[in-house]
Amino acid sequence: MSDPTAAPDPWRGFRGVMAATLILEAIVVLLALPVVHVVGGGLSPVSLTYLLGLALLLLLFTGIQGRPWAIWANLALQLVLIAGFVVYPAVGIMGLVFATVWGLIAHFRAEVLRRQ
């Protein structure tokens, strides 16, 4: 049976937080579709492909959160979202907000590593 005195794995919860953040980010990117369509002057094939492709990529990245390099891949993905200024400025601003969130998550990761 399981050992009741075993300490909980901090990385399991941390991976869950990172995956949940990516799912939330994918939902926000998908919610940008009607905004770009109505306020941004319409969805071009390029902007539609960019937003749908980015949302799919965010969802696919939830599966790699157990890898040691996942946090850096997540931060690199934020650069792709920040490039959304080309599609519509609000998409780029979302990228800046989520880049800040991922910077904070990277800081928390460094703290957990330091304390081990």
PDB file of N, CA and C in Angstrom:
ATOM      1  N   MET A   1       0.844  -1.178   0.000  1.00  0.00           N
ATOM      2  CA  MET A   1       0.000   0.000   0.000  1.00  0.00           C
ATOM      3  C   MET A   1       0.888   1.240   0.000  1.00  0.00           C
ATOM      4  N   SER A   2       0.278   2.370   0.000  1.00  0.00           N
ATOM      5  CA  SER A   2       1.046   3.606  -0.033  1.00  0.00           C
ATOM      6  C   SER A   2       1.527   3.974   1.363  1.00  0.00           C
ATOM      7  N   ASP A   3       2.641   4.675   1.393  1.00  0.00           N
ATOM      8  CA  ASP A   3       3.233   5.108   2.654  1.00  0.00           C
ATOM      9  C   ASP A   3       2.575   6.418   3.083  1.00  0.00           C
ATOM     10  N   PRO A   4       1.850   6.433   4.214  1.00  0.00           N
ATOM     11  CA  PRO A   4       1.154   7.655   4.624  1.00  0.00           C
ATOM     12  C   PRO A   4       2.098   8.766   5.064  1.00  0.00           C
ATOM     13  N   THR A   5       3.362   8.444   5.332  1.00  0.00           N
ATOM     14  CA  THR A   5       4.296   9.474   5.782  1.00  0.00           C
ATOM     15  C   THR A   5       5.081  10.093   4.631  1.00  0.00           C
ATOM     16  N   ALA A   6       4.882   9.607   3.419  1.00  0.00           N
ATOM     17  CA  ALA A   6       5.607  10.148   2.269  1.00  0.00           C
ATOM     18  C   ALA A   6       5.152  11.580   1.995  1.00  0.00           C
ATOM     19  N   ALA A   7       6.131  12.430   1.730  1.00  0.00           N
ATOM     20  CA  ALA A   7       5.827  13.832   1.443  1.00  0.00           C
ATOM     21  C   ALA A   7       5.187  13.944   0.063  1.00  0.00           C
ATOM     22  N   PRO A   8       4.258  14.867  -0.106  1.00  0.00           N
ATOM     23  CA  PRO A   8       3.636  15.036  -1.424  1.00  0.00           C
ATOM     24  C   PRO A   8       4.655  15.573  -2.432  1.00  0.00           C
ATOM     25  N   ASP A   9       4.469  15.190  -3.665  1.00  0.00           N
ATOM     26  CA  ASP A   9       5.358  15.623  -4.740  1.00  0.00           C
ATOM     27  C   ASP A   9       4.985  17.046  -5.156  1.00  0.00           C
ATOM     28  N   PRO A  10       5.860  18.051  -4.898  1.00  0.00           N
ATOM     29  CA  PRO A  10       5.509  19.430  -5.272  1.00  0.00           C
ATOM     30  C   PRO A  10       5.444  19.625  -6.781  1.00  0.00           C
ATOM     31  N   TRP A  11       6.164  18.796  -7.534  1.00  0.00           N
ATOM     32  CA  TRP A  11       6.186  18.957  -8.983  1.00  0.00           C
ATOM     33  C   TRP A  11       4.899  18.493  -9.634  1.00  0.00           C
ATOM     34  N   ARG A  12       4.217  17.549  -9.008  1.00  0.00           N
ATOM     35  CA  ARG A  12       2.944  17.089  -9.572  1.00  0.00           C
ATOM     36  C   ARG A  12       1.934  18.239  -9.587  1.00  0.00           C
ATOM     37  N   GLY A  13       1.822  18.934  -8.486  1.00  0.00           N
ATOM     38  CA  GLY A  13       0.920  20.081  -8.425  1.00  0.00           C
ATOM     39  C   GLY A  13       1.372  21.205  -9.338  1.00  0.00           C
ATOM     40  N   PHE A  14       2.679  21.393  -9.430  1.00  0.00           N
ATOM     41  CA  PHE A  14       3.210  22.455 -10.274  1.00  0.00           C
ATOM     42  C   PHE A  14       2.914  22.185 -11.746  1.00  0.00           C
ATOM     43  N   ARG A  15       3.061  20.918 -12.160  1.00  0.00           N
ATOM     44  CA  ARG A  15       2.718  20.556 -13.544  1.00  0.00           C
ATOM     45  C   ARG A  15       1.237  20.801 -13.810  1.00  0.00           C
ATOM     46  N   GLY A  16       0.410  20.529 -12.816  1.00  0.00           N
ATOM     47  CA  GLY A  16      -1.021  20.778 -12.958  1.00  0.00           C
ATOM     48  C   GLY A  16      -1.335  22.250 -13.121  1.00  0.00           C
ATOM     49  N   VAL A  17      -0.631  23.086 -12.367  1.00  0.00           N
ATOM     50  CA  VAL A  17      -0.828  24.537 -12.487  1.00  0.00           C
ATOM     51  C   VAL A  17      -0.420  25.010 -13.879  1.00  0.00           C
ATOM     52  N   MET A  18       0.698  24.504 -14.377  1.00  0.00           N
ATOM     53  CA  MET A  18       1.149  24.925 -15.710  1.00  0.00           C
ATOM     54  C   MET A  18       0.174  24.464 -16.790  1.00  0.00           C
ATOM     55  N   ALA A  19      -0.310  23.229 -16.689  1.00  0.00           N
ATOM     56  CA  ALA A  19      -1.267  22.727 -17.678  1.00  0.00           C
ATOM     57  C   ALA A  19      -2.577  23.511 -17.610  1.00  0.00           C
ATOM     58  N   ALA A  20      -3.036  23.810 -16.399  1.00  0.00           N
ATOM     59  CA  ALA A  20      -4.278  24.577 -16.245  1.00  0.00           C
ATOM     60  C   ALA A  20      -4.121  25.987 -16.802  1.00  0.00           C
ATOM     61  N   THR A  21      -2.954  26.577 -16.631  1.00  0.00           N
ATOM     62  CA  THR A  21      -2.708  27.912 -17.181  1.00  0.00           C
ATOM     63  C   THR A  21      -2.748  27.877 -18.706  1.00  0.00           C
ATOM     64  N   LEU A  22      -2.196  26.841 -19.297  1.00  0.00           N
ATOM     65  CA  LEU A  22      -2.244  26.713 -20.755  1.00  0.00           C
ATOM     66  C   LEU A  22      -3.674  26.531 -21.255  1.00  0.00           C
ATOM     67  N   ILE A  23      -4.471  25.754 -20.529  1.00  0.00           N
ATOM     68  CA  ILE A  23      -5.877  25.567 -20.920  1.00  0.00           C
ATOM     69  C   ILE A  23      -6.628  26.890 -20.826  1.00  0.00           C
ATOM     70  N   LEU A  24      -6.404  27.625 -19.744  1.00  0.00           N
ATOM     71  CA  LEU A  24      -7.037  28.936 -19.589  1.00  0.00           C
ATOM     72  C   LEU A  24      -6.608  29.870 -20.718  1.00  0.00           C
ATOM     73  N   GLU A  25      -5.342  29.827 -21.048  1.00  0.00           N
ATOM     74  CA  GLU A  25      -4.836  30.678 -22.118  1.00  0.00           C
ATOM     75  C   GLU A  25      -5.464  30.311 -23.464  1.00  0.00           C
ATOM     76  N   ALA A  26      -5.641  29.018 -23.721  1.00  0.00           N
ATOM     77  CA  ALA A  26      -6.284  28.581 -24.966  1.00  0.00           C
ATOM     78  C   ALA A  26      -7.727  29.079 -25.031  1.00  0.00           C
ATOM     79  N   ILE A  27      -8.433  29.026 -23.904  1.00  0.00           N
ATOM     80  CA  ILE A  27      -9.815  29.524 -23.866  1.00  0.00           C
ATOM     81  C   ILE A  27      -9.847  31.017 -24.168  1.00  0.00           C
ATOM     82  N   VAL A  28      -8.921  31.767 -23.584  1.00  0.00           N
ATOM     83  CA  VAL A  28      -8.875  33.215 -23.815  1.00  0.00           C
ATOM     84  C   VAL A  28      -8.559  33.508 -25.285  1.00  0.00           C
ATOM     85  N   VAL A  29      -7.652  32.754 -25.874  1.00  0.00           N
ATOM     86  CA  VAL A  29      -7.331  32.953 -27.294  1.00  0.00           C
ATOM     87  C   VAL A  29      -8.557  32.661 -28.157  1.00  0.00           C
ATOM     88  N   LEU A  30      -9.288  31.605 -27.834  1.00  0.00           N
ATOM     89  CA  LEU A  30     -10.507  31.303 -28.600  1.00  0.00           C
ATOM     90  C   LEU A  30     -11.575  32.375 -28.404  1.00  0.00           C
ATOM     91  N   LEU A  31     -11.627  32.962 -27.212  1.00  0.00           N
ATOM     92  CA  LEU A  31     -12.582  34.050 -26.983  1.00  0.00           C
ATOM     93  C   LEU A  31     -12.189  35.321 -27.733  1.00  0.00           C
ATOM     94  N   ALA A  32     -10.962  35.393 -28.203  1.00  0.00           N
ATOM     95  CA  ALA A  32     -10.538  36.538 -29.007  1.00  0.00           C
ATOM     96  C   ALA A  32     -11.094  36.469 -30.428  1.00  0.00           C
ATOM     97  N   LEU A  33     -11.545  35.295 -30.860  1.00  0.00           N
ATOM     98  CA  LEU A  33     -12.087  35.160 -32.222  1.00  0.00           C
ATOM     99  C   LEU A  33     -13.243  36.122 -32.495  1.00  0.00           C
ATOM    100  N   PRO A  34     -14.297  36.152 -31.655  1.00  0.00           N
ATOM    101  CA  PRO A  34     -15.380  37.098 -31.949  1.00  0.00           C
ATOM    102  C   PRO A  34     -14.956  38.558 -31.809  1.00  0.00           C
ATOM    103  N   VAL A  35     -14.006  38.825 -30.934  1.00  0.00           N
ATOM    104  CA  VAL A  35     -13.534  40.211 -30.773  1.00  0.00           C
ATOM    105  C   VAL A  35     -12.831  40.669 -32.043  1.00  0.00           C
ATOM    106  N   VAL A  36     -11.946  39.852 -32.554  1.00  0.00           N
ATOM    107  CA  VAL A  36     -11.235  40.208 -33.783  1.00  0.00           C
ATOM    108  C   VAL A  36     -12.223  40.303 -34.945  1.00  0.00           C
ATOM    109  N   HIS A  37     -13.234  39.439 -34.957  1.00  0.00           N
ATOM    110  CA  HIS A  37     -14.220  39.450 -36.038  1.00  0.00           C
ATOM    111  C   HIS A  37     -15.060  40.725 -36.025  1.00  0.00           C
ATOM    112  N   VAL A  38     -15.549  41.114 -34.853  1.00  0.00           N
ATOM    113  CA  VAL A  38     -16.471  42.253 -34.771  1.00  0.00           C
ATOM    114  C   VAL A  38     -15.725  43.580 -34.677  1.00  0.00           C
ATOM    115  N   VAL A  39     -14.772  43.669 -33.769  1.00  0.00           N
ATOM    116  CA  VAL A  39     -14.108  44.945 -33.497  1.00  0.00           C
ATOM    117  C   VAL A  39     -12.879  45.141 -34.378  1.00  0.00           C
ATOM    118  N   GLY A  40     -12.212  44.070 -34.687  1.00  0.00           N
ATOM    119  CA  GLY A  40     -10.946  44.168 -35.408  1.00  0.00           C
ATOM    120  C   GLY A  40     -11.067  44.241 -36.911  1.00  0.00           C
ATOM    121  N   GLY A  41     -12.242  44.365 -37.438  1.00  0.00           N
ATOM    122  CA  GLY A  41     -12.392  44.495 -38.880  1.00  0.00           C
ATOM    123  C   GLY A  41     -12.556  43.183 -39.615  1.00  0.00           C
ATOM    124  N   GLY A  42     -12.843  42.132 -38.901  1.00  0.00           N
ATOM    125  CA  GLY A  42     -13.096  40.848 -39.550  1.00  0.00           C
ATOM    126  C   GLY A  42     -11.925  39.888 -39.437  1.00  0.00           C
ATOM    127  N   LEU A  43     -12.262  38.629 -39.592  1.00  0.00           N
ATOM    128  CA  LEU A  43     -11.253  37.575 -39.532  1.00  0.00           C
ATOM    129  C   LEU A  43     -10.764  37.266 -40.942  1.00  0.00           C
ATOM    130  N   SER A  44      -9.507  37.496 -41.180  1.00  0.00           N
ATOM    131  CA  SER A  44      -8.919  37.077 -42.451  1.00  0.00           C
ATOM    132  C   SER A  44      -8.506  35.614 -42.307  1.00  0.00           C
ATOM    133  N   PRO A  45      -8.243  34.940 -43.406  1.00  0.00           N
ATOM    134  CA  PRO A  45      -7.767  33.552 -43.283  1.00  0.00           C
ATOM    135  C   PRO A  45      -6.484  33.448 -42.447  1.00  0.00           C
ATOM    136  N   VAL A  46      -5.627  34.460 -42.536  1.00  0.00           N
ATOM    137  CA  VAL A  46      -4.376  34.446 -41.765  1.00  0.00           C
ATOM    138  C   VAL A  46      -4.660  34.585 -40.277  1.00  0.00           C
ATOM    139  N   SER A  47      -5.513  35.549 -39.902  1.00  0.00           N
ATOM    140  CA  SER A  47      -5.792  35.751 -38.479  1.00  0.00           C
ATOM    141  C   SER A  47      -6.566  34.571 -37.893  1.00  0.00           C
ATOM    142  N   LEU A  48      -7.475  33.999 -38.672  1.00  0.00           N
ATOM    143  CA  LEU A  48      -8.218  32.829 -38.197  1.00  0.00           C
ATOM    144  C   LEU A  48      -7.280  31.641 -37.981  1.00  0.00           C
ATOM    145  N   THR A  49      -6.393  31.408 -38.939  1.00  0.00           N
ATOM    146  CA  THR A  49      -5.427  30.311 -38.812  1.00  0.00           C
ATOM    147  C   THR A  49      -4.490  30.546 -37.635  1.00  0.00           C
ATOM    148  N   TYR A  50      -4.051  31.786 -37.464  1.00  0.00           N
ATOM    149  CA  TYR A  50      -3.159  32.124 -36.348  1.00  0.00           C
ATOM    150  C   TYR A  50      -3.830  31.830 -35.009  1.00  0.00           C
ATOM    151  N   LEU A  51      -5.046  32.319 -34.815  1.00  0.00           N
ATOM    152  CA  LEU A  51      -5.722  32.151 -33.524  1.00  0.00           C
ATOM    153  C   LEU A  51      -6.090  30.691 -33.256  1.00  0.00           C
ATOM    154  N   LEU A  52      -6.636  30.009 -34.256  1.00  0.00           N
ATOM    155  CA  LEU A  52      -6.991  28.598 -34.055  1.00  0.00           C
ATOM    156  C   LEU A  52      -5.745  27.727 -33.877  1.00  0.00           C
ATOM    157  N   GLY A  53      -4.715  28.001 -34.654  1.00  0.00           N
ATOM    158  CA  GLY A  53      -3.469  27.242 -34.530  1.00  0.00           C
ATOM    159  C   GLY A  53      -2.803  27.458 -33.185  1.00  0.00           C
ATOM    160  N   LEU A  54      -2.826  28.693 -32.705  1.00  0.00           N
ATOM    161  CA  LEU A  54      -2.236  28.989 -31.399  1.00  0.00           C
ATOM    162  C   LEU A  54      -3.014  28.309 -30.284  1.00  0.00           C
ATOM    163  N   ALA A  55      -4.338  28.335 -30.369  1.00  0.00           N
ATOM    164  CA  ALA A  55      -5.153  27.662 -29.349  1.00  0.00           C
ATOM    165  C   ALA A  55      -4.872  26.161 -29.349  1.00  0.00           C
ATOM    166  N   LEU A  56      -4.753  25.570 -30.526  1.00  0.00           N
ATOM    167  CA  LEU A  56      -4.437  24.140 -30.611  1.00  0.00           C
ATOM    168  C   LEU A  56      -3.051  23.850 -30.040  1.00  0.00           C
ATOM    169  N   LEU A  57      -2.090  24.697 -30.356  1.00  0.00           N
ATOM    170  CA  LEU A  57      -0.738  24.529 -29.835  1.00  0.00           C
ATOM    171  C   LEU A  57      -0.713  24.634 -28.310  1.00  0.00           C
ATOM    172  N   LEU A  58      -1.466  25.576 -27.766  1.00  0.00           N
ATOM    173  CA  LEU A  58      -1.546  25.716 -26.306  1.00  0.00           C
ATOM    174  C   LEU A  58      -2.116  24.454 -25.670  1.00  0.00           C
ATOM    175  N   LEU A  59      -3.146  23.903 -26.286  1.00  0.00           N
ATOM    176  CA  LEU A  59      -3.741  22.677 -25.745  1.00  0.00           C
ATOM    177  C   LEU A  59      -2.787  21.493 -25.874  1.00  0.00           C
ATOM    178  N   LEU A  60      -2.050  21.417 -26.969  1.00  0.00           N
ATOM    179  CA  LEU A  60      -1.089  20.325 -27.142  1.00  0.00           C
ATOM    180  C   LEU A  60       0.060  20.427 -26.140  1.00  0.00           C
ATOM    181  N   PHE A  61       0.443  21.648 -25.802  1.00  0.00           N
ATOM    182  CA  PHE A  61       1.537  21.843 -24.849  1.00  0.00           C
ATOM    183  C   PHE A  61       1.175  21.370 -23.446  1.00  0.00           C
ATOM    184  N   THR A  62      -0.101  21.190 -23.155  1.00  0.00           N
ATOM    185  CA  THR A  62      -0.456  20.677 -21.823  1.00  0.00           C
ATOM    186  C   THR A  62       0.104  19.278 -21.614  1.00  0.00           C
ATOM    187  N   GLY A  63       0.347  18.555 -22.683  1.00  0.00           N
ATOM    188  CA  GLY A  63       0.857  17.195 -22.577  1.00  0.00           C
ATOM    189  C   GLY A  63       2.350  17.091 -22.329  1.00  0.00           C
ATOM    190  N   ILE A  64       3.094  18.185 -22.452  1.00  0.00           N
ATOM    191  CA  ILE A  64       4.549  18.117 -22.264  1.00  0.00           C
ATOM    192  C   ILE A  64       4.995  18.731 -20.942  1.00  0.00           C
ATOM    193  N   GLN A  65       4.083  19.013 -20.059  1.00  0.00           N
ATOM    194  CA  GLN A  65       4.444  19.730 -18.839  1.00  0.00           C
ATOM    195  C   GLN A  65       5.316  18.929 -17.880  1.00  0.00           C
ATOM    196  N   GLY A  66       5.464  17.646 -18.112  1.00  0.00           N
ATOM    197  CA  GLY A  66       6.343  16.839 -17.276  1.00  0.00           C
ATOM    198  C   GLY A  66       7.808  16.922 -17.692  1.00  0.00           C
ATOM    199  N   ARG A  67       8.080  17.525 -18.824  1.00  0.00           N
ATOM    200  CA  ARG A  67       9.457  17.637 -19.317  1.00  0.00           C
ATOM    201  C   ARG A  67      10.186  18.762 -18.587  1.00  0.00           C
ATOM    202  N   PRO A  68      11.489  18.632 -18.377  1.00  0.00           N
ATOM    203  CA  PRO A  68      12.227  19.681 -17.661  1.00  0.00           C
ATOM    204  C   PRO A  68      12.301  20.997 -18.436  1.00  0.00           C
ATOM    205  N   TRP A  69      12.160  20.954 -19.737  1.00  0.00           N
ATOM    206  CA  TRP A  69      12.248  22.156 -20.558  1.00  0.00           C
ATOM    207  C   TRP A  69      10.883  22.774 -20.852  1.00  0.00           C
ATOM    208  N   ALA A  70       9.836  22.255 -20.259  1.00  0.00           N
ATOM    209  CA  ALA A  70       8.475  22.713 -20.577  1.00  0.00           C
ATOM    210  C   ALA A  70       8.265  24.184 -20.243  1.00  0.00           C
ATOM    211  N   ILE A  71       8.802  24.640 -19.124  1.00  0.00           N
ATOM    212  CA  ILE A  71       8.585  26.041 -18.729  1.00  0.00           C
ATOM    213  C   ILE A  71       9.179  26.982 -19.775  1.00  0.00           C
ATOM    214  N   TRP A  72      10.326  26.602 -20.353  1.00  0.00           N
ATOM    215  CA  TRP A  72      10.959  27.451 -21.360  1.00  0.00           C
ATOM    216  C   TRP A  72      10.185  27.398 -22.675  1.00  0.00           C
ATOM    217  N   ALA A  73       9.625  26.257 -22.994  1.00  0.00           N
ATOM    218  CA  ALA A  73       8.774  26.157 -24.184  1.00  0.00           C
ATOM    219  C   ALA A  73       7.517  27.008 -24.003  1.00  0.00           C
ATOM    220  N   ASN A  74       6.964  27.002 -22.787  1.00  0.00           N
ATOM    221  CA  ASN A  74       5.783  27.817 -22.503  1.00  0.00           C
ATOM    222  C   ASN A  74       6.107  29.301 -22.628  1.00  0.00           C
ATOM    223  N   LEU A  75       7.272  29.700 -22.128  1.00  0.00           N
ATOM    224  CA  LEU A  75       7.674  31.105 -22.248  1.00  0.00           C
ATOM    225  C   LEU A  75       7.903  31.484 -23.713  1.00  0.00           C
ATOM    226  N   ALA A  76       8.479  30.585 -24.492  1.00  0.00           N
ATOM    227  CA  ALA A  76       8.679  30.863 -25.919  1.00  0.00           C
ATOM    228  C   ALA A  76       7.342  30.989 -26.643  1.00  0.00           C
ATOM    229  N   LEU A  77       6.376  30.205 -26.212  1.00  0.00           N
ATOM    230  CA  LEU A  77       5.049  30.269 -26.817  1.00  0.00           C
ATOM    231  C   LEU A  77       4.398  31.635 -26.572  1.00  0.00           C
ATOM    232  N   GLN A  78       4.788  32.282 -25.490  1.00  0.00           N
ATOM    233  CA  GLN A  78       4.236  33.610 -25.211  1.00  0.00           C
ATOM    234  C   GLN A  78       4.707  34.629 -26.233  1.00  0.00           C
ATOM    235  N   LEU A  79       5.907  34.421 -26.776  1.00  0.00           N
ATOM    236  CA  LEU A  79       6.393  35.315 -27.830  1.00  0.00           C
ATOM    237  C   LEU A  79       5.517  35.214 -29.074  1.00  0.00           C
ATOM    238  N   VAL A  80       5.029  34.008 -29.338  1.00  0.00           N
ATOM    239  CA  VAL A  80       4.111  33.816 -30.471  1.00  0.00           C
ATOM    240  C   VAL A  80       2.808  34.569 -30.216  1.00  0.00           C
ATOM    241  N   LEU A  81       2.339  34.541 -28.972  1.00  0.00           N
ATOM    242  CA  LEU A  81       1.105  35.252 -28.643  1.00  0.00           C
ATOM    243  C   LEU A  81       1.318  36.765 -28.677  1.00  0.00           C
ATOM    244  N   ILE A  82       2.474  37.229 -28.200  1.00  0.00           N
ATOM    245  CA  ILE A  82       2.766  38.667 -28.249  1.00  0.00           C
ATOM    246  C   ILE A  82       2.824  39.142 -29.702  1.00  0.00           C
ATOM    247  N   ALA A  83       3.263  38.290 -30.606  1.00  0.00           N
ATOM    248  CA  ALA A  83       3.287  38.639 -32.031  1.00  0.00           C
ATOM    249  C   ALA A  83       1.880  38.853 -32.572  1.00  0.00           C
ATOM    250  N   GLY A  84       0.867  38.517 -31.793  1.00  0.00           N
ATOM    251  CA  GLY A  84      -0.517  38.737 -32.183  1.00  0.00           C
ATOM    252  C   GLY A  84      -0.886  40.201 -32.320  1.00  0.00           C
ATOM    253  N   PHE A  85       0.018  41.117 -31.961  1.00  0.00           N
ATOM    254  CA  PHE A  85      -0.219  42.537 -32.216  1.00  0.00           C
ATOM    255  C   PHE A  85      -0.505  42.759 -33.696  1.00  0.00           C
ATOM    256  N   VAL A  86       0.047  41.906 -34.554  1.00  0.00           N
ATOM    257  CA  VAL A  86      -0.168  42.020 -35.998  1.00  0.00           C
ATOM    258  C   VAL A  86      -1.625  41.720 -36.343  1.00  0.00           C
ATOM    259  N   VAL A  87      -2.220  40.733 -35.653  1.00  0.00           N
ATOM    260  CA  VAL A  87      -3.611  40.356 -35.905  1.00  0.00           C
ATOM    261  C   VAL A  87      -4.551  41.418 -35.355  1.00  0.00           C
ATOM    262  N   TYR A  88      -4.359  41.765 -34.095  1.00  0.00           N
ATOM    263  CA  TYR A  88      -5.183  42.766 -33.419  1.00  0.00           C
ATOM    264  C   TYR A  88      -4.440  43.154 -32.145  1.00  0.00           C
ATOM    265  N   PRO A  89      -4.330  44.428 -31.827  1.00  0.00           N
ATOM    266  CA  PRO A  89      -3.540  44.839 -30.661  1.00  0.00           C
ATOM    267  C   PRO A  89      -3.956  44.179 -29.343  1.00  0.00           C
ATOM    268  N   ALA A  90      -5.236  43.915 -29.163  1.00  0.00           N
ATOM    269  CA  ALA A  90      -5.681  43.293 -27.911  1.00  0.00           C
ATOM    270  C   ALA A  90      -5.112  41.883 -27.755  1.00  0.00           C
ATOM    271  N   VAL A  91      -4.875  41.195 -28.855  1.00  0.00           N
ATOM    272  CA  VAL A  91      -4.279  39.855 -28.794  1.00  0.00           C
ATOM    273  C   VAL A  91      -2.839  39.966 -28.298  1.00  0.00           C
ATOM    274  N   GLY A  92      -2.114  40.947 -28.773  1.00  0.00           N
ATOM    275  CA  GLY A  92      -0.752  41.168 -28.294  1.00  0.00           C
ATOM    276  C   GLY A  92      -0.714  41.551 -26.828  1.00  0.00           C
ATOM    277  N   ILE A  93      -1.701  42.336 -26.397  1.00  0.00           N
ATOM    278  CA  ILE A  93      -1.781  42.706 -24.976  1.00  0.00           C
ATOM    279  C   ILE A  93      -2.057  41.469 -24.132  1.00  0.00           C
ATOM    280  N   MET A  94      -2.911  40.579 -24.634  1.00  0.00           N
ATOM    281  CA  MET A  94      -3.124  39.299 -23.931  1.00  0.00           C
ATOM    282  C   MET A  94      -1.802  38.557 -23.798  1.00  0.00           C
ATOM    283  N   GLY A  95      -0.995  38.613 -24.839  1.00  0.00           N
ATOM    284  CA  GLY A  95       0.313  37.970 -24.799  1.00  0.00           C
ATOM    285  C   GLY A  95       1.200  38.555 -23.725  1.00  0.00           C
ATOM    286  N   LEU A  96       1.167  39.867 -23.569  1.00  0.00           N
ATOM    287  CA  LEU A  96       1.964  40.507 -22.517  1.00  0.00           C
ATOM    288  C   LEU A  96       1.471  40.108 -21.130  1.00  0.00           C
ATOM    289  N   VAL A  97       0.155  40.035 -20.967  1.00  0.00           N
ATOM    290  CA  VAL A  97      -0.407  39.633 -19.669  1.00  0.00           C
ATOM    291  C   VAL A  97      -0.004  38.196 -19.342  1.00  0.00           C
ATOM    292  N   PHE A  98      -0.169  37.298 -20.303  1.00  0.00           N
ATOM    293  CA  PHE A  98       0.182  35.901 -20.046  1.00  0.00           C
ATOM    294  C   PHE A  98       1.694  35.708 -19.925  1.00  0.00           C
ATOM    295  N   ALA A  99       2.488  36.520 -20.608  1.00  0.00           N
ATOM    296  CA  ALA A  99       3.943  36.438 -20.430  1.00  0.00           C
ATOM    297  C   ALA A  99       4.317  36.811 -19.001  1.00  0.00           C
ATOM    298  N   THR A 100       3.609  37.779 -18.437  1.00  0.00           N
ATOM    299  CA  THR A 100       3.837  38.140 -17.035  1.00  0.00           C
ATOM    300  C   THR A 100       3.464  36.985 -16.119  1.00  0.00           C
ATOM    301  N   VAL A 101       2.335  36.344 -16.399  1.00  0.00           N
ATOM    302  CA  VAL A 101       1.912  35.183 -15.600  1.00  0.00           C
ATOM    303  C   VAL A 101       2.959  34.083 -15.686  1.00  0.00           C
ATOM    304  N   TRP A 102       3.453  33.799 -16.887  1.00  0.00           N
ATOM    305  CA  TRP A 102       4.458  32.743 -17.049  1.00  0.00           C
ATOM    306  C   TRP A 102       5.785  33.127 -16.420  1.00  0.00           C
ATOM    307  N   GLY A 103       6.112  34.407 -16.422  1.00  0.00           N
ATOM    308  CA  GLY A 103       7.306  34.853 -15.702  1.00  0.00           C
ATOM    309  C   GLY A 103       7.184  34.586 -14.216  1.00  0.00           C
ATOM    310  N   LEU A 104       5.997  34.823 -13.677  1.00  0.00           N
ATOM    311  CA  LEU A 104       5.747  34.544 -12.264  1.00  0.00           C
ATOM    312  C   LEU A 104       5.809  33.044 -11.985  1.00  0.00           C
ATOM    313  N   ILE A 105       5.263  32.238 -12.877  1.00  0.00           N
ATOM    314  CA  ILE A 105       5.332  30.783 -12.714  1.00  0.00           C
ATOM    315  C   ILE A 105       6.794  30.322 -12.764  1.00  0.00           C
ATOM    316  N   ALA A 106       7.600  30.901 -13.653  1.00  0.00           N
ATOM    317  CA  ALA A 106       9.025  30.548 -13.716  1.00  0.00           C
ATOM    318  C   ALA A 106       9.734  30.928 -12.421  1.00  0.00           C
ATOM    319  N   HIS A 107       9.343  32.056 -11.837  1.00  0.00           N
ATOM    320  CA  HIS A 107       9.914  32.463 -10.547  1.00  0.00           C
ATOM    321  C   HIS A 107       9.542  31.456  -9.460  1.00  0.00           C
ATOM    322  N   PHE A 108       8.288  31.037  -9.431  1.00  0.00           N
ATOM    323  CA  PHE A 108       7.863  30.036  -8.443  1.00  0.00           C
ATOM    324  C   PHE A 108       8.612  28.722  -8.642  1.00  0.00           C
ATOM    325  N   ARG A 109       8.844  28.351  -9.889  1.00  0.00           N
ATOM    326  CA  ARG A 109       9.597  27.128 -10.180  1.00  0.00           C
ATOM    327  C   ARG A 109      11.012  27.233  -9.620  1.00  0.00           C
ATOM    328  N   ALA A 110      11.635  28.393  -9.812  1.00  0.00           N
ATOM    329  CA  ALA A 110      12.986  28.596  -9.286  1.00  0.00           C
ATOM    330  C   ALA A 110      12.995  28.510  -7.761  1.00  0.00           C
ATOM    331  N   GLU A 111      11.949  29.019  -7.124  1.00  0.00           N
ATOM    332  CA  GLU A 111      11.859  28.939  -5.661  1.00  0.00           C
ATOM    333  C   GLU A 111      11.719  27.499  -5.188  1.00  0.00           C
ATOM    334  N   VAL A 112      10.901  26.714  -5.880  1.00  0.00           N
ATOM    335  CA  VAL A 112      10.736  25.307  -5.502  1.00  0.00           C
ATOM    336  C   VAL A 112      12.058  24.568  -5.688  1.00  0.00           C
ATOM    337  N   LEU A 113      12.754  24.838  -6.789  1.00  0.00           N
ATOM    338  CA  LEU A 113      14.058  24.208  -7.018  1.00  0.00           C
ATOM    339  C   LEU A 113      15.060  24.603  -5.938  1.00  0.00           C
ATOM    340  N   ARG A 114      15.043  25.856  -5.548  1.00  0.00           N
ATOM    341  CA  ARG A 114      15.980  26.345  -4.537  1.00  0.00           C
ATOM    342  C   ARG A 114      15.728  25.690  -3.188  1.00  0.00           C
ATOM    343  N   ARG A 115      14.487  25.444  -2.855  1.00  0.00           N
ATOM    344  CA  ARG A 115      14.136  24.893  -1.545  1.00  0.00           C
ATOM    345  C   ARG A 115      14.322  23.388  -1.451  1.00  0.00           C
ATOM    346  N   GLN A 116      14.560  22.731  -2.551  1.00  0.00           N
ATOM    347  CA  GLN A 116      14.735  21.273  -2.499  1.00  0.00           C
ATOM    348  C   GLN A 116      16.147  20.907  -2.141  1.00  0.00           C
TER     349      GLN A 116
END
